[in-house]
Each structure stands twice: as structure tokens, then as C-alpha cells.
Amino acid sequence: MLEKKLNKAKFSIGEVVRHRLFNFRGVIYDVDFQFNNSEEWYQSIPKAARPRKDQPFYHLLAENDEITYEAYVSEQNLVGDDPNEPVRHPLVNEIFKGKRGNLYFKPSN
């Protein structure tokens, strides 16, 4: 009998993170415990940089110096970022109710 390994997320909803390779940061608003996006999206990532599917993937309200957007990023490509530097994405105030300590919070967390 095969047991399915459940992945444990390293980061939490409301945590501020940045991409390990690319110049953007953001706040996590949802987590998939394994890849849950389209195969077309996955194949669009250059093969040398393509992450494993069997790890948590995070939905971010992301920003760089020019724009804000939403991003879907594998755990292996994220590191913690300065939680005292506010995330300026316009949806932050719609999804989150504020900040407690280092985390943005939703009514459910």
C-alpha cells in the first residue's frame, strides 16, 4: 500500500516573502500543498528553472519596483522578507484586515 506524503508548508498565509531568483516580493494569501496550476503554465517555465511539482506552491500578492500582480511560486523559490516593509499591492486591504506582529491577517487566521 502506497502512502501519499503530505507536504508541510514552510511559509504561512499572511507572511511576507521574496523570490529567491527574481526581483519581486509579496504577501502569501493562499497555499497549495502541491502543484495545482495548468500544465501549460508549468511547461512555460524554462526547463532549467522548472520547480518540482511535489512541494507547496504559494499564491502571492506580488510587487516589484514597477508593478503589482499576482504570482504562483514554488516553496523552493521563496525566502522570508522584511515584514516591516509594507506590501503595497492594492488587494492587500481587501484580502487582509490588518497586521499582527510580522503577519498580515484574515478574519480566518
Protein backbone atom coordinates (compact mmCIF):
# COMPACT_ATOMS: atom_id res chain seq x y z
CA MET A 1 0.00 0.00 0.00
CA LEU A 2 1.40 3.36 -1.02
CA GLU A 3 1.06 6.26 1.37
CA LYS A 4 0.72 9.71 -0.08
CA LYS A 5 3.19 12.07 1.54
CA LEU A 6 1.55 15.24 2.78
CA ASN A 7 3.68 18.31 2.30
CA LYS A 8 4.04 20.74 5.15
CA ALA A 9 4.20 24.39 4.17
CA LYS A 10 7.28 26.29 5.31
CA PHE A 11 5.54 29.67 4.99
CA SER A 12 2.16 30.85 6.31
CA ILE A 13 -0.72 32.85 4.92
CA GLY A 14 -0.01 36.49 5.68
CA GLU A 15 3.77 36.09 5.62
CA VAL A 16 5.92 38.47 3.55
CA VAL A 17 8.33 36.67 1.22
CA ARG A 18 10.54 37.39 -1.77
CA HIS A 19 11.54 35.31 -4.78
CA ARG A 20 14.97 33.73 -4.48
CA LEU A 21 15.92 34.41 -8.13
CA PHE A 22 13.73 37.23 -9.43
CA ASN A 23 13.28 40.74 -8.11
CA PHE A 24 9.84 40.62 -6.53
CA ARG A 25 8.27 40.21 -3.13
CA GLY A 26 4.77 39.78 -1.79
CA VAL A 27 2.40 38.53 0.85
CA ILE A 28 1.04 34.96 0.79
CA TYR A 29 -2.75 34.77 0.54
CA ASP A 30 -3.20 31.05 -0.20
CA VAL A 31 -1.22 27.78 -0.27
CA ASP A 32 -1.48 24.65 -2.42
CA PHE A 33 0.34 21.76 -0.75
CA GLN A 34 1.41 20.52 -4.17
CA PHE A 35 1.31 21.99 -7.68
CA ASN A 36 -2.25 22.93 -8.68
CA ASN A 37 -1.99 25.02 -11.82
CA SER A 38 -2.26 24.24 -15.53
CA GLU A 39 0.25 22.06 -17.35
CA GLU A 40 0.57 24.86 -19.90
CA TRP A 41 1.67 27.26 -17.14
CA TYR A 42 4.16 24.69 -15.83
CA GLN A 43 5.64 24.00 -19.27
CA SER A 44 6.08 27.75 -19.88
CA ILE A 45 8.79 27.80 -17.19
CA PRO A 46 12.25 27.22 -18.71
CA LYS A 47 13.21 23.60 -18.07
CA ALA A 48 16.39 24.52 -16.18
CA ALA A 49 14.36 26.63 -13.73
CA ARG A 50 11.24 24.45 -13.54
CA PRO A 51 10.44 23.51 -9.92
CA ARG A 52 9.29 20.12 -8.68
CA LYS A 53 5.52 19.71 -8.52
CA ASP A 54 5.56 17.78 -5.22
CA GLN A 55 6.10 20.77 -2.94
CA PRO A 56 3.91 23.59 -1.64
CA PHE A 57 3.12 26.40 -4.07
CA TYR A 58 2.08 29.83 -2.81
CA HIS A 59 -0.32 32.43 -4.17
CA LEU A 60 1.17 35.89 -3.65
CA LEU A 61 0.03 39.45 -3.92
CA ALA A 62 3.31 40.38 -5.57
CA GLU A 63 5.15 43.57 -6.40
CA ASN A 64 8.38 44.82 -7.86
CA ASP A 65 9.60 48.38 -8.34
CA GLU A 66 7.25 48.97 -11.29
CA ILE A 67 4.04 46.94 -10.91
CA THR A 68 1.82 44.84 -8.66
CA TYR A 69 0.40 41.50 -9.76
CA GLU A 70 -0.46 38.00 -8.53
CA ALA A 71 2.17 35.25 -8.61
CA TYR A 72 2.21 31.48 -8.11
CA VAL A 73 5.58 30.40 -6.68
CA SER A 74 7.11 27.12 -5.51
CA GLU A 75 8.41 26.89 -1.97
CA GLN A 76 11.96 26.24 -3.19
CA ASN A 77 12.00 29.69 -4.80
CA LEU A 78 10.87 31.71 -1.78
CA VAL A 79 12.70 33.18 1.19
CA GLY A 80 11.41 35.33 4.03
CA ASP A 81 11.47 39.10 3.53
CA ASP A 82 11.35 42.16 5.78
CA PRO A 83 7.86 42.11 7.32
CA ASN A 84 8.21 45.75 8.43
CA GLU A 85 8.32 46.94 4.81
CA PRO A 86 4.62 47.20 3.79
CA VAL A 87 3.35 45.34 0.73
CA ARG A 88 1.70 47.99 -1.45
CA HIS A 89 -0.44 45.67 -3.62
CA PRO A 90 -3.95 47.20 -3.94
CA LEU A 91 -5.68 43.94 -2.90
CA VAL A 92 -3.86 43.69 0.44
CA ASN A 93 -6.59 45.73 2.17
CA GLU A 94 -9.36 43.67 0.53
CA ILE A 95 -7.95 40.24 1.47
CA PHE A 96 -6.34 41.08 4.81
CA LYS A 97 -7.81 43.01 7.74
CA GLY A 98 -4.51 44.32 9.08
CA LYS A 99 -1.24 43.17 10.59
CA ARG A 100 -0.43 41.42 13.85
CA GLY A 101 3.27 41.31 14.56
CA ASN A 102 5.00 40.16 11.37
CA LEU A 103 1.90 38.68 9.68
CA TYR A 104 -0.96 40.15 7.72
CA PHE A 105 -4.16 38.52 8.95
CA LYS A 106 -7.50 37.47 7.52
CA PRO A 107 -10.54 37.04 9.72
CA SER A 108 -9.97 33.25 9.39
CA ASN A 109 -6.31 33.17 10.51
